[in-house]
Structure formats: structure tokens, C-alpha cells
C-alpha atoms as a PDB file:
ATOM      1  CA  UNK A   1      -3.973  14.773  15.608  1.00  0.00           C
ATOM      2  CA  UNK A   2      -7.489  13.044  14.630  1.00  0.00           C
ATOM      3  CA  UNK A   3      -7.852   9.337  14.493  1.00  0.00           C
ATOM      4  CA  UNK A   4      -7.571   9.210  10.781  1.00  0.00           C
ATOM      5  CA  UNK A   5      -5.837   6.877   8.491  1.00  0.00           C
ATOM      6  CA  UNK A   6      -4.896   8.085   5.051  1.00  0.00           C
ATOM      7  CA  UNK A   7      -4.224   6.121   2.163  1.00  0.00           C
ATOM      8  CA  UNK A   8      -2.687   7.479  -1.230  1.00  0.00           C
ATOM      9  CA  UNK A   9      -2.771   5.265  -4.287  1.00  0.00           C
ATOM     10  CA  UNK A  10      -4.796   3.738  -7.223  1.00  0.00           C
ATOM     11  CA  UNK A  11      -7.937   1.063  -6.902  1.00  0.00           C
ATOM     12  CA  UNK A  12      -8.606  -0.969 -10.026  1.00  0.00           C
ATOM     13  CA  UNK A  13     -10.964  -2.923 -11.773  1.00  0.00           C
ATOM     14  CA  UNK A  14      -9.725  -6.879 -10.957  1.00  0.00           C
ATOM     15  CA  UNK A  15     -10.927  -9.331 -13.364  1.00  0.00           C
ATOM     16  CA  UNK A  16      -9.599 -12.645 -12.128  1.00  0.00           C
ATOM     17  CA  UNK A  17     -10.773 -16.343 -12.434  1.00  0.00           C
ATOM     18  CA  UNK A  18     -10.759 -17.159 -16.080  1.00  0.00           C
ATOM     19  CA  UNK A  19     -11.633 -20.757 -16.101  1.00  0.00           C
ATOM     20  CA  UNK A  20     -13.551 -21.369 -19.801  1.00  0.00           C
ATOM     21  CA  UNK A  21     -12.956 -17.498 -20.276  1.00  0.00           C
ATOM     22  CA  UNK A  22     -15.307 -16.827 -17.500  1.00  0.00           C
ATOM     23  CA  UNK A  23     -13.994 -13.751 -15.013  1.00  0.00           C
ATOM     24  CA  UNK A  24     -14.959 -12.350 -11.836  1.00  0.00           C
ATOM     25  CA  UNK A  25     -14.753  -8.597 -11.063  1.00  0.00           C
ATOM     26  CA  UNK A  26     -13.775  -6.723  -8.204  1.00  0.00           C
ATOM     27  CA  UNK A  27     -11.691  -3.571  -6.698  1.00  0.00           C
ATOM     28  CA  UNK A  28      -8.041  -4.027  -5.973  1.00  0.00           C
ATOM     29  CA  UNK A  29      -4.754  -1.788  -5.448  1.00  0.00           C
ATOM     30  CA  UNK A  30      -1.904  -2.087  -2.884  1.00  0.00           C
ATOM     31  CA  UNK A  31      -2.631   0.818  -0.847  1.00  0.00           C
ATOM     32  CA  UNK A  32      -6.503   0.226  -1.389  1.00  0.00           C
ATOM     33  CA  UNK A  33      -5.570  -3.643  -0.012  1.00  0.00           C
ATOM     34  CA  UNK A  34      -3.514  -1.950   3.076  1.00  0.00           C
ATOM     35  CA  UNK A  35      -5.958   0.547   4.435  1.00  0.00           C
ATOM     36  CA  UNK A  36      -8.967  -2.707   4.020  1.00  0.00           C
ATOM     37  CA  UNK A  37      -7.047  -4.259   6.550  1.00  0.00           C
ATOM     38  CA  UNK A  38      -6.323  -1.380   8.772  1.00  0.00           C
ATOM     39  CA  UNK A  39     -10.028  -0.692   8.886  1.00  0.00           C
ATOM     40  CA  UNK A  40     -10.859  -4.341   9.954  1.00  0.00           C
ATOM     41  CA  UNK A  41      -8.597  -3.946  12.451  1.00  0.00           C
ATOM     42  CA  UNK A  42      -8.711  -0.448  13.787  1.00  0.00           C
ATOM     43  CA  UNK A  43     -11.331   0.508  16.761  1.00  0.00           C
ATOM     44  CA  UNK A  44     -14.354   2.328  15.369  1.00  0.00           C
ATOM     45  CA  UNK A  45     -13.703   5.576  16.338  1.00  0.00           C
ATOM     46  CA  UNK A  46     -10.598   5.878  13.851  1.00  0.00           C
ATOM     47  CA  UNK A  47     -11.697   6.722  10.487  1.00  0.00           C
ATOM     48  CA  UNK A  48      -9.980   5.713   7.319  1.00  0.00           C
ATOM     49  CA  UNK A  49      -9.731   7.589   3.900  1.00  0.00           C
ATOM     50  CA  UNK A  50      -8.549   6.311   0.430  1.00  0.00           C
ATOM     51  CA  UNK A  51      -7.072   9.539  -1.954  1.00  0.00           C
ATOM     52  CA  UNK A  52      -7.676   8.635  -5.535  1.00  0.00           C
ATOM     53  CA  UNK A  53      -8.712   9.907  -8.506  1.00  0.00           C
ATOM     54  CA  UNK A  54     -11.894   8.074 -10.642  1.00  0.00           C
ATOM     55  CA  UNK A  55     -14.078   9.043 -13.153  1.00  0.00           C
ATOM     56  CA  UNK A  56     -17.821   9.496 -13.593  1.00  0.00           C
ATOM     57  CA  UNK A  57     -18.666   5.963 -15.376  1.00  0.00           C
ATOM     58  CA  UNK A  58     -20.615   3.253 -13.950  1.00  0.00           C
ATOM     59  CA  UNK A  59     -17.327   1.217 -12.826  1.00  0.00           C
ATOM     60  CA  UNK A  60     -16.206   4.557 -11.021  1.00  0.00           C
ATOM     61  CA  UNK A  61     -19.633   4.875  -9.184  1.00  0.00           C
ATOM     62  CA  UNK A  62     -19.151   1.063  -8.047  1.00  0.00           C
ATOM     63  CA  UNK A  63     -16.202   1.784  -6.557  1.00  0.00           C
ATOM     64  CA  UNK A  64     -17.346   4.150  -5.194  1.00  0.00           C
ATOM     65  CA  UNK A  65     -19.745   2.127  -3.153  1.00  0.00           C
ATOM     66  CA  UNK A  66     -18.072  -0.558  -2.587  1.00  0.00           C
ATOM     67  CA  UNK A  67     -15.377   1.786  -0.485  1.00  0.00           C
ATOM     68  CA  UNK A  68     -18.396   3.372   1.568  1.00  0.00           C
ATOM     69  CA  UNK A  69     -19.888   0.169   2.081  1.00  0.00           C
ATOM     70  CA  UNK A  70     -16.929  -0.940   3.591  1.00  0.00           C
ATOM     71  CA  UNK A  71     -15.830   1.793   5.760  1.00  0.00           C
ATOM     72  CA  UNK A  72     -13.529   3.735   4.336  1.00  0.00           C
ATOM     73  CA  UNK A  73     -13.211   7.225   3.478  1.00  0.00           C
ATOM     74  CA  UNK A  74     -14.517   8.464  -0.311  1.00  0.00           C
ATOM     75  CA  UNK A  75     -14.983  12.343   0.723  1.00  0.00           C
ATOM     76  CA  UNK A  76     -11.394  12.782  -1.077  1.00  0.00           C
ATOM     77  CA  UNK A  77     -11.688  10.990  -4.140  1.00  0.00           C
ATOM     78  CA  UNK A  78     -10.747  13.438  -6.744  1.00  0.00           C
ATOM     79  CA  UNK A  79     -13.638  13.003 -10.390  1.00  0.00           C
ATOM     80  CA  UNK A  80     -11.737  13.406 -13.595  1.00  0.00           C
ATOM     81  CA  UNK A  81     -14.941  12.858 -15.817  1.00  0.00           C
ATOM     82  CA  UNK A  82     -12.922  12.288 -19.081  1.00  0.00           C
ATOM     83  CA  UNK A  83     -10.685   9.262 -17.485  1.00  0.00           C
ATOM     84  CA  UNK A  84     -11.623   5.871 -16.373  1.00  0.00           C
ATOM     85  CA  UNK A  85     -10.410   3.707 -13.314  1.00  0.00           C
ATOM     86  CA  UNK A  86      -7.102   1.182 -15.023  1.00  0.00           C
ATOM     87  CA  UNK A  87      -7.955  -2.637 -15.149  1.00  0.00           C
ATOM     88  CA  UNK A  88      -5.946  -5.251 -14.760  1.00  0.00           C
ATOM     89  CA  UNK A  89      -6.969  -9.429 -15.376  1.00  0.00           C
ATOM     90  CA  UNK A  90      -5.427 -11.871 -13.558  1.00  0.00           C
ATOM     91  CA  UNK A  91      -4.335 -15.324 -15.281  1.00  0.00           C
ATOM     92  CA  UNK A  92      -2.737 -18.602 -14.215  1.00  0.00           C
ATOM     93  CA  UNK A  93       0.692 -19.625 -16.041  1.00  0.00           C
ATOM     94  CA  UNK A  94       2.812 -22.381 -15.715  1.00  0.00           C
ATOM     95  CA  UNK A  95       1.268 -22.883 -12.109  1.00  0.00           C
ATOM     96  CA  UNK A  96       1.327 -19.129 -11.385  1.00  0.00           C
ATOM     97  CA  UNK A  97      -0.686 -15.988 -11.247  1.00  0.00           C
ATOM     98  CA  UNK A  98       0.137 -13.273 -14.300  1.00  0.00           C
ATOM     99  CA  UNK A  99      -0.694 -10.033 -14.190  1.00  0.00           C
ATOM    100  CA  UNK A 100      -1.990  -7.887 -17.587  1.00  0.00           C
ATOM    101  CA  UNK A 101      -2.571  -4.072 -16.875  1.00  0.00           C
ATOM    102  CA  UNK A 102      -4.790  -1.669 -18.559  1.00  0.00           C
ATOM    103  CA  UNK A 103      -3.829   1.359 -16.621  1.00  0.00           C
ATOM    104  CA  UNK A 104      -2.290   4.328 -18.872  1.00  0.00           C
ATOM    105  CA  UNK A 105      -5.398   6.469 -19.061  1.00  0.00           C
ATOM    106  CA  UNK A 106      -6.471   6.014 -15.440  1.00  0.00           C
ATOM    107  CA  UNK A 107      -8.434   8.706 -13.245  1.00  0.00           C
ATOM    108  CA  UNK A 108      -5.170   7.584 -10.592  1.00  0.00           C
ATOM    109  CA  UNK A 109      -2.289   9.029 -12.691  1.00  0.00           C
ATOM    110  CA  UNK A 110      -4.047  12.741 -12.564  1.00  0.00           C
ATOM    111  CA  UNK A 111      -4.578  12.609  -8.373  1.00  0.00           C
ATOM    112  CA  UNK A 112      -1.693  14.628  -7.342  1.00  0.00           C
ATOM    113  CA  UNK A 113      -2.500  17.773 -10.172  1.00  0.00           C
ATOM    114  CA  UNK A 114      -4.498  19.536  -7.771  1.00  0.00           C
ATOM    115  CA  UNK A 115      -2.087  20.515  -4.457  1.00  0.00           C
ATOM    116  CA  UNK A 116      -5.258  21.990  -2.465  1.00  0.00           C
ATOM    117  CA  UNK A 117      -6.667  18.783  -2.772  1.00  0.00           C
ATOM    118  CA  UNK A 118      -3.999  17.286  -1.881  1.00  0.00           C
ATOM    119  CA  UNK A 119      -3.683  19.508   1.009  1.00  0.00           C
ATOM    120  CA  UNK A 120      -7.385  18.968   2.210  1.00  0.00           C
ATOM    121  CA  UNK A 121      -7.144  15.231   2.071  1.00  0.00           C
ATOM    122  CA  UNK A 122      -4.213  14.756   4.759  1.00  0.00           C
ATOM    123  CA  UNK A 123      -5.116  17.717   6.949  1.00  0.00           C
ATOM    124  CA  UNK A 124      -5.314  16.570  10.128  1.00  0.00           C
ATOM    125  CA  UNK A 125      -3.955  12.973   9.288  1.00  0.00           C
ATOM    126  CA  UNK A 126      -2.809  10.791  12.114  1.00  0.00           C
ATOM    127  CA  UNK A 127      -1.092   9.000   9.416  1.00  0.00           C
ATOM    128  CA  UNK A 128      -0.344   9.056   5.704  1.00  0.00           C
ATOM    129  CA  UNK A 129       0.383   5.838   3.802  1.00  0.00           C
ATOM    130  CA  UNK A 130       1.545   5.748   0.035  1.00  0.00           C
ATOM    131  CA  UNK A 131       3.934   3.248  -1.859  1.00  0.00           C
ATOM    132  CA  UNK A 132       6.155   3.024  -4.961  1.00  0.00           C
ATOM    133  CA  UNK A 133       3.239   2.089  -7.500  1.00  0.00           C
ATOM    134  CA  UNK A 134       1.548   5.521  -5.862  1.00  0.00           C
ATOM    135  CA  UNK A 135       4.561   7.075  -7.315  1.00  0.00           C
ATOM    136  CA  UNK A 136       5.116   4.914  -9.925  1.00  0.00           C
ATOM    137  CA  UNK A 137       2.107   6.269 -12.084  1.00  0.00           C
ATOM    138  CA  UNK A 138       2.671   9.925 -11.714  1.00  0.00           C
ATOM    139  CA  UNK A 139       4.195  11.846 -14.406  1.00  0.00           C
ATOM    140  CA  UNK A 140       7.399  13.345 -12.423  1.00  0.00           C
ATOM    141  CA  UNK A 141       5.908  17.100 -11.722  1.00  0.00           C
ATOM    142  CA  UNK A 142       2.814  15.012 -10.134  1.00  0.00           C
ATOM    143  CA  UNK A 143       5.326  13.133  -8.002  1.00  0.00           C
ATOM    144  CA  UNK A 144       6.756  16.123  -6.512  1.00  0.00           C
ATOM    145  CA  UNK A 145       3.825  17.496  -5.946  1.00  0.00           C
ATOM    146  CA  UNK A 146       2.534  14.553  -4.103  1.00  0.00           C
ATOM    147  CA  UNK A 147       5.855  14.220  -2.671  1.00  0.00           C
ATOM    148  CA  UNK A 148       5.916  18.628  -1.253  1.00  0.00           C
ATOM    149  CA  UNK A 149       2.249  17.321   0.553  1.00  0.00           C
ATOM    150  CA  UNK A 150       3.736  14.215   2.153  1.00  0.00           C
ATOM    151  CA  UNK A 151       5.964  16.638   3.952  1.00  0.00           C
ATOM    152  CA  UNK A 152       3.964  19.256   4.450  1.00  0.00           C
ATOM    153  CA  UNK A 153       1.496  16.847   6.255  1.00  0.00           C
ATOM    154  CA  UNK A 154       4.621  14.980   8.207  1.00  0.00           C
ATOM    155  CA  UNK A 155       5.718  18.738   9.352  1.00  0.00           C
ATOM    156  CA  UNK A 156       2.159  19.231  10.490  1.00  0.00           C
ATOM    157  CA  UNK A 157       2.130  16.550  12.836  1.00  0.00           C
ATOM    158  CA  UNK A 158       1.318  13.455  10.527  1.00  0.00           C
ATOM    159  CA  UNK A 159       3.129  10.444  10.587  1.00  0.00           C
ATOM    160  CA  UNK A 160       4.414   9.007   7.421  1.00  0.00           C
ATOM    161  CA  UNK A 161       4.545   5.488   6.177  1.00  0.00           C
ATOM    162  CA  UNK A 162       5.741   4.088   2.685  1.00  0.00           C
ATOM    163  CA  UNK A 163       6.150   0.800   1.252  1.00  0.00           C
ATOM    164  CA  UNK A 164       8.267   0.781  -1.995  1.00  0.00           C
ATOM    165  CA  UNK A 165       6.037  -1.813  -3.458  1.00  0.00           C
ATOM    166  CA  UNK A 166       8.767  -2.107  -6.372  1.00  0.00           C
ATOM    167  CA  UNK A 167       6.977  -2.220  -9.836  1.00  0.00           C
ATOM    168  CA  UNK A 168      10.303  -1.997 -12.554  1.00  0.00           C
ATOM    169  CA  UNK A 169       7.706  -2.131 -15.207  1.00  0.00           C
ATOM    170  CA  UNK A 170       6.080   0.877 -14.256  1.00  0.00           C
ATOM    171  CA  UNK A 171       9.470   2.204 -14.437  1.00  0.00           C
ATOM    172  CA  UNK A 172      11.862   3.930 -16.928  1.00  0.00           C
ATOM    173  CA  UNK A 173      15.029   2.374 -15.260  1.00  0.00           C
ATOM    174  CA  UNK A 174      15.527   0.608 -11.981  1.00  0.00           C
ATOM    175  CA  UNK A 175      17.943   4.098 -11.124  1.00  0.00           C
ATOM    176  CA  UNK A 176      15.206   6.203 -11.366  1.00  0.00           C
ATOM    177  CA  UNK A 177      13.127   3.679  -9.421  1.00  0.00           C
ATOM    178  CA  UNK A 178      15.532   2.882  -6.408  1.00  0.00           C
ATOM    179  CA  UNK A 179      16.432   7.231  -6.475  1.00  0.00           C
ATOM    180  CA  UNK A 180      12.899   7.854  -5.978  1.00  0.00           C
ATOM    181  CA  UNK A 181      12.321   5.493  -3.777  1.00  0.00           C
ATOM    182  CA  UNK A 182      14.971   6.670  -1.689  1.00  0.00           C
ATOM    183  CA  UNK A 183      13.917  10.206  -1.772  1.00  0.00           C
ATOM    184  CA  UNK A 184      10.308   9.086  -0.558  1.00  0.00           C
ATOM    185  CA  UNK A 185      11.794   6.588   2.311  1.00  0.00           C
ATOM    186  CA  UNK A 186      13.812   9.816   3.306  1.00  0.00           C
ATOM    187  CA  UNK A 187      10.444  11.550   4.138  1.00  0.00           C
ATOM    188  CA  UNK A 188       9.002   9.259   6.252  1.00  0.00           C
ATOM    189  CA  UNK A 189       8.824   7.822   9.426  1.00  0.00           C
ATOM    190  CA  UNK A 190       7.727   3.823   8.786  1.00  0.00           C
ATOM    191  CA  UNK A 191       9.318   2.298   5.503  1.00  0.00           C
ATOM    192  CA  UNK A 192       7.842  -1.609   5.019  1.00  0.00           C
ATOM    193  CA  UNK A 193      10.088  -2.469   2.296  1.00  0.00           C
ATOM    194  CA  UNK A 194      10.298  -6.379   0.665  1.00  0.00           C
ATOM    195  CA  UNK A 195      13.363  -8.039   0.629  1.00  0.00           C
ATOM    196  CA  UNK A 196      13.291  -9.630  -2.459  1.00  0.00           C
ATOM    197  CA  UNK A 197      12.003  -6.206  -4.518  1.00  0.00           C
ATOM    198  CA  UNK A 198      14.941  -4.131  -2.681  1.00  0.00           C
ATOM    199  CA  UNK A 199      17.772  -7.105  -3.542  1.00  0.00           C
ATOM    200  CA  UNK A 200      16.486  -6.377  -7.325  1.00  0.00           C
ATOM    201  CA  UNK A 201      16.664  -2.949  -6.774  1.00  0.00           C
ATOM    202  CA  UNK A 202      19.687  -1.982  -4.359  1.00  0.00           C
ATOM    203  CA  UNK A 203      21.668  -5.254  -4.700  1.00  0.00           C
ATOM    204  CA  UNK A 204      20.924  -5.690  -0.665  1.00  0.00           C
ATOM    205  CA  UNK A 205      22.905  -8.935   0.473  1.00  0.00           C
ATOM    206  CA  UNK A 206      20.161  -9.766   2.774  1.00  0.00           C
ATOM    207  CA  UNK A 207      17.375  -8.278   4.678  1.00  0.00           C
ATOM    208  CA  UNK A 208      19.645  -7.053   7.495  1.00  0.00           C
ATOM    209  CA  UNK A 209      21.294  -4.938   4.693  1.00  0.00           C
ATOM    210  CA  UNK A 210      18.120  -3.540   3.682  1.00  0.00           C
ATOM    211  CA  UNK A 211      17.134  -2.692   7.027  1.00  0.00           C
ATOM    212  CA  UNK A 212      20.166  -0.350   7.671  1.00  0.00           C
ATOM    213  CA  UNK A 213      19.971   1.117   4.609  1.00  0.00           C
ATOM    214  CA  UNK A 214      16.529   2.447   4.961  1.00  0.00           C
ATOM    215  CA  UNK A 215      18.006   3.189   8.557  1.00  0.00           C
ATOM    216  CA  UNK A 216      21.186   4.932   7.346  1.00  0.00           C
ATOM    217  CA  UNK A 217      18.448   7.262   5.570  1.00  0.00           C
ATOM    218  CA  UNK A 218      17.275   8.636   8.944  1.00  0.00           C
ATOM    219  CA  UNK A 219      14.134   6.741   8.987  1.00  0.00           C
ATOM    220  CA  UNK A 220      12.789   5.845  12.488  1.00  0.00           C
ATOM    221  CA  UNK A 221      11.305   2.595  12.163  1.00  0.00           C
ATOM    222  CA  UNK A 222      11.640  -0.014   9.296  1.00  0.00           C
ATOM    223  CA  UNK A 223      10.407  -3.728   9.133  1.00  0.00           C
ATOM    224  CA  UNK A 224      11.610  -5.539   6.096  1.00  0.00           C
ATOM    225  CA  UNK A 225       9.246  -8.312   4.909  1.00  0.00           C
ATOM    226  CA  UNK A 226      10.180 -11.452   3.336  1.00  0.00           C
ATOM    227  CA  UNK A 227       7.418 -13.514   2.405  1.00  0.00           C
ATOM    228  CA  UNK A 228       7.773 -16.463   4.706  1.00  0.00           C
ATOM    229  CA  UNK A 229      10.916 -16.233   6.145  1.00  0.00           C
ATOM    230  CA  UNK A 230      11.377 -13.912   9.061  1.00  0.00           C
ATOM    231  CA  UNK A 231      10.401  -9.845   9.052  1.00  0.00           C
ATOM    232  CA  UNK A 232      13.182  -7.848  10.408  1.00  0.00           C
ATOM    233  CA  UNK A 233      12.025  -4.976  12.537  1.00  0.00           C
ATOM    234  CA  UNK A 234      14.482  -2.113  13.259  1.00  0.00           C
ATOM    235  CA  UNK A 235      13.803   0.940  15.421  1.00  0.00           C
ATOM    236  CA  UNK A 236      16.721   3.127  17.812  1.00  0.00           C
ATOM    237  CA  UNK A 237      18.921   0.857  18.761  1.00  0.00           C
ATOM    238  CA  UNK A 238      16.669  -2.311  18.686  1.00  0.00           C
ATOM    239  CA  UNK A 239      17.167  -5.178  15.609  1.00  0.00           C
ATOM    240  CA  UNK A 240      14.802  -7.911  15.887  1.00  0.00           C
ATOM    241  CA  UNK A 241      13.509 -10.968  13.679  1.00  0.00           C
ATOM    242  CA  UNK A 242       9.681 -12.124  13.911  1.00  0.00           C
ATOM    243  CA  UNK A 243       8.702 -15.520  12.385  1.00  0.00           C
ATOM    244  CA  UNK A 244       5.911 -15.800   9.638  1.00  0.00           C
ATOM    245  CA  UNK A 245       2.742 -17.290  10.652  1.00  0.00           C
ATOM    246  CA  UNK A 246       2.722 -21.045   9.539  1.00  0.00           C
ATOM    247  CA  UNK A 247       0.219 -21.825   6.680  1.00  0.00           C
ATOM    248  CA  UNK A 248      -1.148 -23.334   3.866  1.00  0.00           C
ATOM    249  CA  UNK A 249      -0.740 -20.919   0.725  1.00  0.00           C
ATOM    250  CA  UNK A 250      -3.825 -20.717  -1.212  1.00  0.00           C
ATOM    251  CA  UNK A 251      -3.045 -17.315  -2.668  1.00  0.00           C
ATOM    252  CA  UNK A 252      -0.486 -15.159  -1.884  1.00  0.00           C
ATOM    253  CA  UNK A 253      -2.027 -11.993  -3.554  1.00  0.00           C
ATOM    254  CA  UNK A 254      -2.081  -9.080  -0.887  1.00  0.00           C
ATOM    255  CA  UNK A 255      -0.257 -10.938   1.590  1.00  0.00           C
ATOM    256  CA  UNK A 256       2.672  -7.816   1.781  1.00  0.00           C
ATOM    257  CA  UNK A 257      -0.403  -5.392   1.713  1.00  0.00           C
ATOM    258  CA  UNK A 258      -2.493  -6.848   3.964  1.00  0.00           C
ATOM    259  CA  UNK A 259       0.880  -6.933   6.126  1.00  0.00           C
ATOM    260  CA  UNK A 260       1.154  -3.397   6.082  1.00  0.00           C
ATOM    261  CA  UNK A 261      -2.130  -2.403   7.099  1.00  0.00           C
ATOM    262  CA  UNK A 262      -2.192  -4.699   9.949  1.00  0.00           C
ATOM    263  CA  UNK A 263       1.085  -3.251  11.187  1.00  0.00           C
ATOM    264  CA  UNK A 264      -0.146  -0.121  10.588  1.00  0.00           C
ATOM    265  CA  UNK A 265      -3.632  -0.229  12.642  1.00  0.00           C
ATOM    266  CA  UNK A 266      -1.396  -2.012  15.634  1.00  0.00           C
ATOM    267  CA  UNK A 267       0.731   0.829  15.627  1.00  0.00           C
ATOM    268  CA  UNK A 268      -1.626   3.324  16.031  1.00  0.00           C
ATOM    269  CA  UNK A 269      -3.423   1.577  19.045  1.00  0.00           C
ATOM    270  CA  UNK A 270      -0.513   1.226  21.138  1.00  0.00           C
ATOM    271  CA  UNK A 271       1.583  -1.617  19.816  1.00  0.00           C
ATOM    272  CA  UNK A 272       5.509  -1.809  19.579  1.00  0.00           C
ATOM    273  CA  UNK A 273       6.651  -2.355  16.315  1.00  0.00           C
ATOM    274  CA  UNK A 274       7.870  -5.604  17.460  1.00  0.00           C
ATOM    275  CA  UNK A 275       4.372  -7.015  18.897  1.00  0.00           C
ATOM    276  CA  UNK A 276       2.722  -5.048  15.790  1.00  0.00           C
ATOM    277  CA  UNK A 277       4.993  -7.000  13.265  1.00  0.00           C
ATOM    278  CA  UNK A 278       3.891 -10.393  15.243  1.00  0.00           C
ATOM    279  CA  UNK A 279       0.412  -9.489  14.538  1.00  0.00           C
ATOM    280  CA  UNK A 280       0.800  -8.147  11.111  1.00  0.00           C
ATOM    281  CA  UNK A 281       2.158 -11.564  10.493  1.00  0.00           C
ATOM    282  CA  UNK A 282      -0.884 -13.312  11.803  1.00  0.00           C
ATOM    283  CA  UNK A 283      -3.410 -11.304   9.648  1.00  0.00           C
ATOM    284  CA  UNK A 284      -0.981 -12.187   6.362  1.00  0.00           C
ATOM    285  CA  UNK A 285      -1.118 -15.856   7.108  1.00  0.00           C
ATOM    286  CA  UNK A 286      -5.015 -15.394   7.411  1.00  0.00           C
ATOM    287  CA  UNK A 287      -5.215 -13.483   3.894  1.00  0.00           C
ATOM    288  CA  UNK A 288      -2.447 -16.553   2.186  1.00  0.00           C
ATOM    289  CA  UNK A 289      -4.858 -18.986   2.899  1.00  0.00           C
ATOM    290  CA  UNK A 290      -7.790 -17.142   1.033  1.00  0.00           C
ATOM    291  CA  UNK A 291      -8.295 -16.341  -2.338  1.00  0.00           C
ATOM    292  CA  UNK A 292      -7.757 -12.532  -3.676  1.00  0.00           C
ATOM    293  CA  UNK A 293      -6.304  -9.752  -2.230  1.00  0.00           C
ATOM    294  CA  UNK A 294      -9.481  -9.003   0.198  1.00  0.00           C
ATOM    295  CA  UNK A 295     -10.793 -11.154   2.555  1.00  0.00           C
ATOM    296  CA  UNK A 296     -13.658 -10.926   4.572  1.00  0.00           C
ATOM    297  CA  UNK A 297     -12.818  -8.277   7.430  1.00  0.00           C
ATOM    298  CA  UNK A 298     -14.454 -10.282   9.960  1.00  0.00           C
ATOM    299  CA  UNK A 299     -12.178 -13.056   9.134  1.00  0.00           C
ATOM    300  CA  UNK A 300      -9.034 -10.275  10.431  1.00  0.00           C
ATOM    301  CA  UNK A 301     -10.606  -8.132  13.060  1.00  0.00           C
END
């Protein structure tokens, strides 16, 4: 397979700050955040491609330019002329960050409407990465088309990595979300869940229980993230706990996504799962010390 990392999902316009109603515009999204950190950690001979859909408006153009400027390929971004990127605003309330979204008519909701485009995007990829949010924004038939394309890529030799990244507000019910996540995990080689999400969705009693549930689906490699607590790593007969890197938390946005990107980059370049989890914790420990989901790649390279 080619040395190519493919991530599929939604990149959104981000408005952050809000002091005196003054906001800063940026771009972010869970699968974009992960490919950002994968790109920072992968050697130059690796290419990265972001698979999504955008419009023809000025913000879609700027988003494409932003990705290209940071070494992330845009050749497989579909163009939906009548659609625009989604948008979200971050505000502070009661000492915590809160998010308001406008994404109901985003172009990314149509990213799986063209099966031929998906096939071309995934063809020859060493790894295809997607998330529960990627699945949540799609209508059921489009969700099925995406999963079919992912299975075809896996059958052709690509590794498949999945982060459930549970967002109940995007689903009709917890039961539906849990069922779809289970199907997605069952066609993946690497699953990267977050324990509090899994506890809320499936009632798991511990990170170890989450680990065993996904391994029980036949997933070859599972890493359960748990914030500042150790990550639980399982593959084959091995079960390991990998401590998080201590550091002051300035902004936890994107920490899990950065862990995923760094973990997958490490695995693709020869690290075993335990070594990769240590490297991923190191990157996440840097990210939480800075504001925003996307820190300067030079800080984490």
C-alpha cells in the first residue's frame, strides 16, 4: 500500500474567544484535528488526504487553502455548490467551554453521496480513519455507503481506524448511536474509544470493560482513552496501562483527537501499540497546554 493516511469527516468554521463579543475564526473538526497531528508526526514521504465536502463560497475556498498550506491533501474534497461548511461557536459558561453548532445543511453531510468518489479517495490508502461524528452527520443510506466503502478499502488491504467519539445530540437515540458504533468498530482494525463516552453509551463499568467489549467484537487493537488517567491498551493477549503525560491544562479541546493522530502515525512508522500510546500521550500533553484544537505542528513534530 502507498504511504498515505486518509481521514474522512467534517471540517467546520470555528468561532472562538468571545471577549466583548469579539471572535476569532478558525477551522477544526475531530477527524481534521487527528490528521493535523498525524501529518505533524509522519515522515515527509507520507502523504495525507482529508475527505469531506465543501461548497464554492469564500469560506470553503479558504478552508481548502488552509489545509493545503499545512500539507494536507485536498484532491478528494467534493464540491457541493449549493452547500456551505458547518459552523460552531465556543463560549465560556460556569468556568467551562460550551459549543453551539450550525451544521444542519453543511456540505459535509453529503460526503458519502457519491460512491465512486469514496472509492477513489480510499484507493491505495495505508490507513483510513473515521469517527462516530463522521457517521452521525450522514443520513442512514449515506452512512451505509460510507461503511461499504470502508469495508471495500479494508478488503483491498487498508488498515481501518475508528474513534466512536460519541455525541448523543447528533443521534436519534443512544441505542441507535451504540448500534452504529458497534457495526463500525466491527469492520475496523484499530478502535480508539474514550471511556466516559462509552460508560454513558453502553454502561461500561471500567476502561478495562470497554477494552474487552471492543476486543470481543474481533477488533485487533483497542486503546481506551480516559483523560488524564492511564490509557488501556489491548492487542492479542497483551493488556497494558499507559500513564498520561502530566501537564497544566490550558485548553483540553482536541486532546483526544491529537492522541489519535499521534498514535496512528506511530503505529504506521513501526511503533508497537504500547510505544504508540506513550507517544500519543506526549503529544496530547503538549496540546492541552495551548489554546485551540490545532497547535503549531512544530511543537509536536
